[in-house]
Structure formats: C-alpha cells, structure tokens
Amino acid sequence: MPITRLHRGPRTAAQAGRAMVCAALAIEAETVTRHFEREAWGPGFADLSEFIGQAAADGCRGIVSYGVSGGLVPALRSGDIVVGSEIIGPSGSIPTDDLWSAWLLSALPTAVFGPVAGVELPIAALAKRSELHLRSGALAADMESHLIARLATANSMRFVALRVIIDAAGRNIPPTALACISPDGATSRWRVSRLLLGRPWDALDMIRLSADWWLARRALLHCSEVLGASVHAIEL
C-alpha cells in the first residue's frame, strides 16, 4: 500500500514539526490528527522521496512508520502494539533508532519489541505468514515500513516503527477487504457493500475484521498520544 498520508508535529511547543508520521490508510491517519497536522504532498514534488528530503532540510528530524500490521506469530492478537527493532525488507535490514524506540517501549509497557517485515503484497494465507516469520524472524508485516526506513536512512533522520496488529496470524483476510481500499488509501462503505454483493461468503470475515479494527483503533489512539510526548522527551 503506498504511503498516502503524512502528518507533521507535534502541533504545539518548541518541538513542533520535528517529526513526521507516515501512514497508508485514511483510517490510520485520522488517529494522529490530534497531535500531528496533515501535510499534503503532490504538485511541486516529483515523488515522496523528494518531499521527505525537503522536510528534512526544513528541520524535520524524525520519521515514524505508523499504522496497522498483520500478525505473523500466534501470540500477537488484534490491538497488540509492536515497536520495531528493525525493518526487514526485500533489499535487506534497517535498524530503528535505539533511543526513540526505548522511550516508546517505556511508555507502552505492553508493547512487544521485535523485527517488522516490509512486504510488497498483502499476506493473507496462514502458511505464508508462518513461512515469513520462520525466514525473517519478524513478528508483524506491513507494506510501508521498509519504504519509510529507506527514506529515513537516505536523509539521516531518526526512524521508528510503531505498528498495531489488526489481523492476528490465524485470521483470514477476505479479498473484499483488500479490494475496498482505493489507491489513495480511503475506504468506502458503499464499495464494501457492492463488493459483498458479488462475494457474500466474505461477509463473516469482514465482520470479524471490522471488530479487529476497533481494537486496533483504540491502540492507535493511545500510540498517537505517546508519539506526541516522545518528540518532546527525546528532543529530536
């Protein structure tokens, strides 16, 4: 999923604008709006890397991979928080910032610390999730963290990954859930309804995923509070 939402903050105090939160989905991004202000990118910038480069030149010192992830181990359930120790992507591994990650872990005592896998395509099958965990050691997977990690490294920015499990390792992700997301990261109830008319057998899994989302959203709102405080605490 492409990174479509960027928020910069925190909104107030001396550290304002020192960190950028990157998210792919609109429903992820709305959970950070209390503490980080939306920044649009598009006209005037060739691509996301150019935009991030300009932000770094303007004083942004940290970048966060933020949002939901798929669980790769049975111990992780919907709503569990993962602070990434490293991002394992197709082109190698990139460590997260030690100081920032340690602060987040101290403020989120129930969070788990471990590798996050960056993948190019969603992983819906249980067997493929198990294989990815065995191969990489990752606890969770998403489609953005490896991209953000590379941008952070290229611009000498502190980088952390703060992800919340939405679908546990044993949860089935129906095709409708993937198809209802537009290229700009938005979802539509009308589109979901239309897709379910053609795939009514996805309905039960969609109901389960909706319940998982509300658990994840509650955790994301808490993570947003902690992220805002972290920027002040470590003086980015």
Protein backbone atom coordinates (compact mmCIF):
# COMPACT_ATOMS: atom_id res chain seq x y z
CA MET A 1 0.00 0.00 0.00
CA PRO A 2 1.53 3.37 -0.95
CA ILE A 3 2.15 6.00 1.70
CA THR A 4 -0.64 8.49 1.12
CA ARG A 5 -0.91 10.36 4.42
CA LEU A 6 1.81 12.42 6.05
CA HIS A 7 1.41 14.24 9.35
CA ARG A 8 3.98 16.52 10.91
CA GLY A 9 4.14 17.64 14.52
CA PRO A 10 3.61 17.75 17.34
CA ARG A 11 1.17 20.62 16.86
CA THR A 12 2.45 22.75 19.75
CA ALA A 13 5.57 23.54 21.77
CA ALA A 14 9.19 24.02 20.77
CA GLN A 15 9.49 20.65 19.05
CA ALA A 16 6.66 21.37 16.60
CA GLY A 17 7.35 19.99 13.15
CA ARG A 18 10.34 17.92 14.24
CA ALA A 19 8.74 14.56 13.40
CA MET A 20 6.71 13.19 10.54
CA VAL A 21 4.22 10.34 10.81
CA CYS A 22 3.65 8.29 7.66
CA ALA A 23 0.52 6.20 7.10
CA ALA A 24 -1.06 4.48 4.13
CA LEU A 25 -4.72 4.41 5.11
CA ALA A 26 -7.04 7.29 5.86
CA ILE A 27 -8.44 5.42 8.87
CA GLU A 28 -4.91 5.10 10.27
CA ALA A 29 -4.05 8.73 9.67
CA GLU A 30 -7.17 10.11 11.37
CA THR A 31 -5.95 8.70 14.70
CA VAL A 32 -2.95 11.06 14.77
CA THR A 33 -4.67 14.31 13.83
CA ARG A 34 -4.95 15.49 17.44
CA HIS A 35 -1.18 15.66 17.79
CA PHE A 36 0.19 15.85 14.24
CA GLU A 37 -1.03 18.09 11.45
CA ARG A 38 -1.74 16.80 7.94
CA GLU A 39 0.76 17.73 5.26
CA ALA A 40 -0.23 17.32 1.65
CA TRP A 41 2.32 16.34 -0.94
CA GLY A 42 1.93 16.13 -4.67
CA PRO A 43 2.28 19.13 -7.02
CA GLY A 44 5.77 20.55 -6.87
CA PHE A 45 7.41 17.29 -5.81
CA ALA A 46 8.44 14.52 -8.16
CA ASP A 47 7.83 11.81 -5.59
CA LEU A 48 7.66 11.05 -1.89
CA SER A 49 11.44 10.84 -1.51
CA GLU A 50 11.81 14.42 -2.75
CA PHE A 51 9.13 15.59 -0.32
CA ILE A 52 10.77 13.84 2.64
CA GLY A 53 14.13 15.26 1.59
CA GLN A 54 12.72 18.78 1.65
CA ALA A 55 11.10 18.16 5.04
CA ALA A 56 14.47 17.05 6.41
CA ALA A 57 16.09 20.18 5.00
CA ASP A 58 13.38 22.26 6.70
CA GLY A 59 14.15 20.80 10.14
CA CYS A 60 12.22 17.54 10.39
CA ARG A 61 14.48 15.18 12.35
CA GLY A 62 12.42 12.04 12.82
CA ILE A 63 10.07 9.86 10.84
CA VAL A 64 7.59 7.22 12.00
CA SER A 65 6.11 4.23 10.23
CA TYR A 66 2.67 4.19 11.81
CA GLY A 67 -0.45 2.14 11.35
CA VAL A 68 -1.78 -1.38 11.38
CA SER A 69 0.10 -4.58 10.60
CA GLY A 70 -0.63 -8.25 10.10
CA GLY A 71 0.50 -10.59 12.84
CA LEU A 72 2.99 -13.32 11.97
CA VAL A 73 3.05 -15.16 15.31
CA PRO A 74 0.12 -16.68 17.20
CA ALA A 75 0.95 -14.82 20.41
CA LEU A 76 0.01 -11.45 18.89
CA ARG A 77 -3.67 -10.50 18.84
CA SER A 78 -5.67 -7.66 17.38
CA GLY A 79 -4.84 -4.44 19.24
CA ASP A 80 -1.37 -5.56 20.33
CA ILE A 81 1.37 -2.97 19.78
CA VAL A 82 4.70 -3.70 18.11
CA VAL A 83 7.69 -1.36 18.35
CA GLY A 84 10.01 -2.38 15.55
CA SER A 85 13.60 -3.26 16.38
CA GLU A 86 14.49 -3.44 12.70
CA ILE A 87 12.74 -3.49 9.36
CA ILE A 88 13.44 -6.49 7.19
CA GLY A 89 12.66 -5.66 3.58
CA PRO A 90 13.33 -7.15 0.16
CA SER A 91 16.70 -5.39 -0.04
CA GLY A 92 17.95 -6.05 3.50
CA SER A 93 17.51 -4.98 7.11
CA ILE A 94 17.46 -1.45 8.53
CA PRO A 95 17.58 -0.90 12.31
CA THR A 96 15.29 1.55 14.06
CA ASP A 97 16.54 4.33 16.34
CA ASP A 98 17.60 2.85 19.70
CA LEU A 99 16.85 5.88 21.89
CA TRP A 100 13.46 6.66 20.40
CA SER A 101 12.39 3.01 20.39
CA ALA A 102 13.46 2.59 24.02
CA TRP A 103 11.41 5.63 25.04
CA LEU A 104 8.35 4.28 23.26
CA LEU A 105 8.75 0.91 24.97
CA SER A 106 8.98 2.55 28.38
CA ALA A 107 5.78 4.50 27.68
CA LEU A 108 3.99 1.47 26.21
CA PRO A 109 4.71 -1.29 28.73
CA THR A 110 2.51 -3.84 26.96
CA ALA A 111 4.20 -3.32 23.60
CA VAL A 112 6.36 -6.02 22.04
CA PHE A 113 9.81 -5.21 20.63
CA GLY A 114 10.94 -7.10 17.56
CA PRO A 115 11.53 -7.14 13.81
CA VAL A 116 8.88 -5.97 11.36
CA ALA A 117 8.82 -7.31 7.81
CA GLY A 118 8.22 -4.97 4.91
CA VAL A 119 6.39 -6.74 2.09
CA GLU A 120 5.34 -5.77 -1.40
CA LEU A 121 1.96 -7.53 -1.35
CA PRO A 122 -0.58 -8.35 1.37
CA ILE A 123 -0.09 -11.75 3.04
CA ALA A 124 -3.45 -13.34 3.66
CA ALA A 125 -2.62 -17.05 3.87
CA LEU A 126 -1.63 -18.51 7.25
CA ALA A 127 1.02 -20.73 5.69
CA LYS A 128 2.72 -17.77 4.03
CA ARG A 129 2.69 -15.80 7.28
CA SER A 130 4.31 -18.70 9.12
CA GLU A 131 6.92 -19.04 6.38
CA LEU A 132 7.76 -15.33 6.51
CA HIS A 133 8.17 -15.46 10.31
CA LEU A 134 10.44 -18.51 10.10
CA ARG A 135 12.52 -16.95 7.34
CA SER A 136 12.86 -13.45 8.78
CA GLY A 137 12.10 -13.69 12.50
CA ALA A 138 9.62 -10.83 12.06
CA LEU A 139 6.66 -10.52 14.40
CA ALA A 140 4.48 -8.45 12.09
CA ALA A 141 4.33 -7.36 8.47
CA ASP A 142 3.18 -4.28 6.58
CA MET A 143 3.66 -2.73 3.17
CA GLU A 144 5.17 0.62 4.16
CA SER A 145 7.85 0.30 6.85
CA HIS A 146 10.65 -0.78 4.50
CA LEU A 147 9.97 2.20 2.24
CA ILE A 148 9.96 4.66 5.14
CA ALA A 149 13.10 3.12 6.63
CA ARG A 150 14.97 3.67 3.37
CA LEU A 151 13.82 7.31 3.19
CA ALA A 152 14.91 7.90 6.79
CA THR A 153 18.35 6.44 6.12
CA ALA A 154 18.78 8.47 2.95
CA ASN A 155 18.01 11.70 4.83
CA SER A 156 19.86 10.91 8.11
CA MET A 157 16.60 11.03 10.09
CA ARG A 158 15.77 9.14 13.26
CA PHE A 159 13.36 6.36 12.42
CA VAL A 160 10.92 4.24 14.42
CA ALA A 161 8.15 1.82 13.53
CA LEU A 162 5.06 1.83 15.73
CA ARG A 163 2.55 -0.68 14.42
CA VAL A 164 -0.65 -2.19 15.80
CA ILE A 165 -1.83 -5.68 14.93
CA ILE A 166 -5.18 -5.68 13.18
CA ASP A 167 -5.33 -9.25 11.88
CA ALA A 168 -3.81 -11.99 14.02
CA ALA A 169 -1.78 -14.73 12.36
CA GLY A 170 -4.76 -17.07 12.20
CA ARG A 171 -7.23 -14.54 10.83
CA ASN A 172 -8.44 -14.91 7.25
CA ILE A 173 -8.24 -11.72 5.18
CA PRO A 174 -11.00 -11.84 2.55
CA PRO A 175 -10.40 -10.41 -0.95
CA THR A 176 -13.17 -7.89 -0.29
CA ALA A 177 -11.10 -6.27 2.48
CA LEU A 178 -8.23 -5.65 0.08
CA ALA A 179 -10.37 -4.60 -2.86
CA CYS A 180 -12.35 -1.99 -0.93
CA ILE A 181 -9.30 0.25 -0.42
CA SER A 182 -8.86 2.92 -3.08
CA PRO A 183 -5.43 3.95 -4.45
CA ASP A 184 -5.42 6.99 -2.15
CA GLY A 185 -5.86 4.87 0.98
CA ALA A 186 -9.54 5.61 1.56
CA THR A 187 -12.30 3.08 2.19
CA SER A 188 -15.96 3.33 1.32
CA ARG A 189 -18.92 1.57 2.93
CA TRP A 190 -20.70 1.77 -0.41
CA ARG A 191 -17.79 -0.01 -2.11
CA VAL A 192 -17.71 -2.68 0.60
CA SER A 193 -21.44 -3.28 0.19
CA ARG A 194 -21.12 -3.54 -3.58
CA LEU A 195 -18.22 -5.98 -3.34
CA LEU A 196 -20.08 -8.14 -0.83
CA LEU A 197 -22.99 -8.45 -3.25
CA GLY A 198 -20.60 -10.30 -5.53
CA ARG A 199 -18.82 -12.17 -2.73
CA PRO A 200 -21.39 -12.77 0.04
CA TRP A 201 -19.23 -15.55 1.51
CA ASP A 202 -16.74 -12.86 2.60
CA ALA A 203 -19.31 -11.27 4.93
CA LEU A 204 -18.40 -13.17 8.12
CA ASP A 205 -14.68 -12.50 7.71
CA MET A 206 -15.45 -8.83 7.05
CA ILE A 207 -17.48 -8.62 10.27
CA ARG A 208 -14.59 -10.16 12.19
CA LEU A 209 -12.12 -7.77 10.58
CA SER A 210 -14.34 -4.81 11.48
CA ALA A 211 -14.29 -5.89 15.13
CA ASP A 212 -10.49 -6.25 14.90
CA TRP A 213 -10.27 -2.70 13.54
CA TRP A 214 -11.96 -1.18 16.59
CA LEU A 215 -9.45 -2.92 18.86
CA ALA A 216 -6.62 -1.67 16.68
CA ARG A 217 -8.03 1.85 16.51
CA ARG A 218 -8.13 2.14 20.30
CA ALA A 219 -4.47 1.13 20.44
CA LEU A 220 -3.55 3.56 17.64
CA LEU A 221 -5.15 6.46 19.51
CA HIS A 222 -3.04 5.61 22.55
CA CYS A 223 0.07 5.33 20.36
CA SER A 224 -0.65 8.78 18.94
CA GLU A 225 -0.62 10.29 22.44
CA VAL A 226 2.67 8.57 23.20
CA LEU A 227 4.26 9.64 19.92
CA GLY A 228 3.42 13.28 20.59
CA ALA A 229 5.04 13.08 24.02
CA SER A 230 8.08 11.23 22.67
CA VAL A 231 9.10 14.02 20.33
CA HIS A 232 9.40 16.38 23.31
CA ALA A 233 11.07 13.83 25.56
CA ILE A 234 13.98 12.86 23.34
CA GLU A 235 14.41 16.36 21.87
CA LEU A 236 14.52 15.46 18.19
